[in-house]
Amino acid sequence: MNENNFKPLLVPLIILFTVVALDQVTKIWAVNYLSQVGSVKVLGEFFMLTLVYNEGGALGSNLGPSLAYLIVSILIFGMVLFYIYSHRDSKSLSFSLSFIAAGALGNIIDRLRIGKVIDWIDFDFIDINIFGYQLNRWWTFNIADAAISCAIVFILAGLFFSETKLGQLDSNKQVADRKE
């Protein structure tokens, strides 16, 4: 393979490492600071900084042991890396997938280090009561979770609102690649 195949991966790699570094630094801060002072009200009860150790998964799910979440996260991380590489010519898709990979890796690091994920961003949106399921306060999350969520929203917006579907190469680019 020539070096031009890897050039489009530079920005996705920068995104991945930057988000993971930011996630890990903020988690270290949260453990060191919030474990000493407890919850910190930033905007009253609406936005607080609260240290939580999450052994389960997304949105407070707890469908199995932490090891199961670790294994699934590693598999998803590998698949996302494959998709970043295979869609490296689609900036919007590869950049979005880089945020998902970074979020997965940030939480994988936590699970490998301490067996659970460190969460600390605490918002209180609307209360939910659906078919007996009661949620009085939104789930606490971290930078990794936010990166994944924002990337998913961006990908979905691209799928629904873009004339050129996310991940679809420009026809001129496809023709140029075939000539090489």
Protein backbone atom coordinates (compact mmCIF):
# COMPACT_ATOMS: atom_id res chain seq x y z
CA MET A 1 0.00 0.00 0.00
CA ASN A 2 1.17 3.45 -0.73
CA GLU A 3 1.41 6.26 1.74
CA ASN A 4 -1.63 8.05 0.21
CA ASN A 5 -3.88 5.31 1.65
CA PHE A 6 -2.87 6.35 5.17
CA LYS A 7 -2.80 10.13 4.73
CA PRO A 8 -6.60 10.46 5.21
CA LEU A 9 -6.19 8.68 8.57
CA LEU A 10 -4.12 11.48 10.12
CA VAL A 11 -7.05 13.64 11.30
CA PRO A 12 -9.07 10.66 12.58
CA LEU A 13 -6.02 9.56 14.61
CA ILE A 14 -5.57 13.07 15.99
CA ILE A 15 -9.26 13.14 16.97
CA LEU A 16 -8.98 9.72 18.61
CA PHE A 17 -5.91 10.53 20.69
CA THR A 18 -7.11 14.03 21.63
CA VAL A 19 -10.51 12.83 22.85
CA VAL A 20 -8.98 9.90 24.77
CA ALA A 21 -6.45 12.23 26.42
CA LEU A 22 -9.14 14.77 27.35
CA ASP A 23 -11.38 11.98 28.67
CA GLN A 24 -8.65 10.44 30.81
CA VAL A 25 -7.36 13.75 32.18
CA THR A 26 -10.87 14.83 33.20
CA LYS A 27 -11.53 11.46 34.83
CA ILE A 28 -8.32 11.74 36.84
CA TRP A 29 -9.40 15.23 37.91
CA ALA A 30 -12.89 13.95 38.81
CA VAL A 31 -11.52 11.15 40.98
CA ASN A 32 -8.98 13.38 42.71
CA TYR A 33 -11.29 16.36 43.27
CA LEU A 34 -14.85 15.08 43.46
CA SER A 35 -13.98 12.17 45.75
CA GLN A 36 -12.83 14.81 48.26
CA VAL A 37 -15.66 17.35 47.97
CA GLY A 38 -18.66 15.33 46.76
CA SER A 39 -21.06 16.71 44.17
CA VAL A 40 -20.46 20.25 42.95
CA LYS A 41 -23.44 22.32 41.80
CA VAL A 42 -22.53 24.22 38.64
CA LEU A 43 -26.02 25.37 37.62
CA GLY A 44 -28.02 24.41 40.68
CA GLU A 45 -29.57 20.94 40.54
CA PHE A 46 -29.72 21.08 36.72
CA PHE A 47 -25.96 20.67 36.10
CA MET A 48 -23.68 19.13 38.69
CA LEU A 49 -20.33 17.38 38.78
CA THR A 50 -20.85 14.06 40.55
CA LEU A 51 -18.39 11.18 40.74
CA VAL A 52 -20.01 7.85 39.84
CA TYR A 53 -18.41 4.48 39.12
CA ASN A 54 -20.40 2.67 36.43
CA GLU A 55 -19.96 -1.10 36.25
CA GLY A 56 -22.71 -1.38 33.63
CA GLY A 57 -23.12 0.15 30.23
CA ALA A 58 -24.74 2.99 28.38
CA LEU A 59 -27.72 4.76 29.92
CA GLY A 60 -27.27 3.00 33.22
CA SER A 61 -27.85 -0.47 31.76
CA ASN A 62 -26.63 -3.40 33.80
CA LEU A 63 -27.15 -6.47 31.64
CA GLY A 64 -24.19 -8.48 32.83
CA PRO A 65 -20.79 -8.35 34.48
CA SER A 66 -18.31 -5.57 33.77
CA LEU A 67 -16.13 -8.09 31.89
CA ALA A 68 -18.94 -8.62 29.36
CA TYR A 69 -19.10 -4.89 28.73
CA LEU A 70 -15.31 -4.82 28.33
CA ILE A 71 -15.34 -7.62 25.75
CA VAL A 72 -18.18 -6.04 23.77
CA SER A 73 -16.45 -2.64 23.91
CA ILE A 74 -13.21 -4.10 22.56
CA LEU A 75 -15.09 -5.81 19.71
CA ILE A 76 -16.95 -2.60 18.85
CA PHE A 77 -13.70 -0.63 19.03
CA GLY A 78 -12.11 -3.03 16.53
CA MET A 79 -15.08 -2.81 14.16
CA VAL A 80 -15.11 0.98 14.32
CA LEU A 81 -11.37 1.12 13.55
CA PHE A 82 -12.01 -1.12 10.53
CA TYR A 83 -14.78 1.21 9.35
CA ILE A 84 -12.58 4.27 9.83
CA TYR A 85 -9.92 2.65 7.65
CA SER A 86 -12.35 1.40 5.00
CA HIS A 87 -14.15 4.78 4.83
CA ARG A 88 -11.04 6.93 5.20
CA ASP A 89 -11.91 8.90 2.05
CA SER A 90 -15.18 10.08 3.59
CA LYS A 91 -14.10 12.78 6.01
CA SER A 92 -17.49 13.20 7.63
CA LEU A 93 -17.87 9.49 8.35
CA SER A 94 -14.27 8.78 9.35
CA PHE A 95 -14.18 11.84 11.62
CA SER A 96 -17.47 10.84 13.30
CA LEU A 97 -16.33 7.26 13.72
CA SER A 98 -13.11 8.56 15.29
CA PHE A 99 -15.15 10.14 18.08
CA ILE A 100 -16.96 6.82 18.62
CA ALA A 101 -13.65 4.92 18.67
CA ALA A 102 -12.19 7.46 21.10
CA GLY A 103 -15.17 7.16 23.42
CA ALA A 104 -15.00 3.39 23.35
CA LEU A 105 -11.25 3.44 24.03
CA GLY A 106 -11.62 5.92 26.90
CA ASN A 107 -14.11 3.65 28.64
CA ILE A 108 -12.08 0.51 27.79
CA ILE A 109 -9.08 2.08 29.55
CA ASP A 110 -11.22 2.59 32.68
CA ARG A 111 -12.51 -0.99 32.63
CA LEU A 112 -8.98 -2.36 32.21
CA ARG A 113 -7.57 -0.08 34.93
CA ILE A 114 -10.26 -0.25 37.63
CA GLY A 115 -12.97 -2.62 36.35
CA LYS A 116 -15.60 0.10 35.88
CA VAL A 117 -16.12 3.40 34.09
CA ILE A 118 -15.64 6.77 35.77
CA ASP A 119 -18.58 9.12 35.12
CA TRP A 120 -18.81 12.67 36.44
CA ILE A 121 -20.99 14.94 34.24
CA ASP A 122 -24.44 15.08 35.83
CA PHE A 123 -27.43 16.78 34.15
CA ASP A 124 -31.03 16.66 35.25
CA PHE A 125 -33.23 16.80 32.17
CA ILE A 126 -36.88 15.83 32.12
CA ASP A 127 -38.14 13.03 34.35
CA ILE A 128 -39.26 9.93 32.47
CA ASN A 129 -42.04 7.52 33.37
CA ILE A 130 -42.74 5.01 30.60
CA PHE A 131 -44.62 1.76 31.25
CA GLY A 132 -43.50 1.71 34.86
CA TYR A 133 -39.89 2.66 34.13
CA GLN A 134 -39.04 5.66 36.29
CA LEU A 135 -36.06 7.95 35.66
CA ASN A 136 -35.90 10.90 38.04
CA ARG A 137 -32.43 12.11 37.12
CA TRP A 138 -30.56 11.70 33.86
CA TRP A 139 -27.61 9.30 33.73
CA THR A 140 -24.19 10.60 34.76
CA PHE A 141 -21.67 10.42 31.92
CA ASN A 142 -18.16 11.44 30.86
CA ILE A 143 -16.27 12.94 27.89
CA ALA A 144 -16.02 9.52 26.20
CA ASP A 145 -19.79 9.04 26.40
CA ALA A 146 -20.39 12.57 25.10
CA ALA A 147 -18.05 11.94 22.15
CA ILE A 148 -19.96 8.78 21.23
CA SER A 149 -23.37 10.45 21.58
CA CYS A 150 -22.42 13.53 19.54
CA ALA A 151 -20.91 11.36 16.80
CA ILE A 152 -24.06 9.23 16.60
CA VAL A 153 -26.21 12.36 16.29
CA PHE A 154 -23.92 13.68 13.54
CA ILE A 155 -24.01 10.37 11.64
CA LEU A 156 -27.81 10.16 11.90
CA ALA A 157 -28.17 13.78 10.78
CA GLY A 158 -25.94 12.99 7.82
CA LEU A 159 -28.05 9.98 6.92
CA PHE A 160 -31.36 11.81 7.13
CA PHE A 161 -30.55 15.34 5.97
CA SER A 162 -27.65 15.07 3.56
CA GLU A 163 -28.15 14.88 -0.20
CA THR A 164 -24.94 12.87 -0.46
CA LYS A 165 -25.18 10.02 2.01
CA LEU A 166 -22.55 9.94 4.73
CA GLY A 167 -19.71 7.67 3.65
CA GLN A 168 -20.55 7.85 -0.05
CA LEU A 169 -17.58 8.95 -2.10
CA ASP A 170 -17.79 11.79 -4.58
CA SER A 171 -18.15 10.23 -8.03
CA ASN A 172 -15.15 12.22 -9.31
CA LYS A 173 -13.03 10.81 -6.47
CA GLN A 174 -14.12 7.25 -7.34
CA VAL A 175 -13.16 7.76 -10.99
CA ALA A 176 -9.80 9.27 -10.02
CA ASP A 177 -9.06 6.35 -7.68
CA ARG A 178 -9.82 3.81 -10.41
CA LYS A 179 -7.31 5.46 -12.74
CA GLU A 180 -4.45 5.07 -10.22
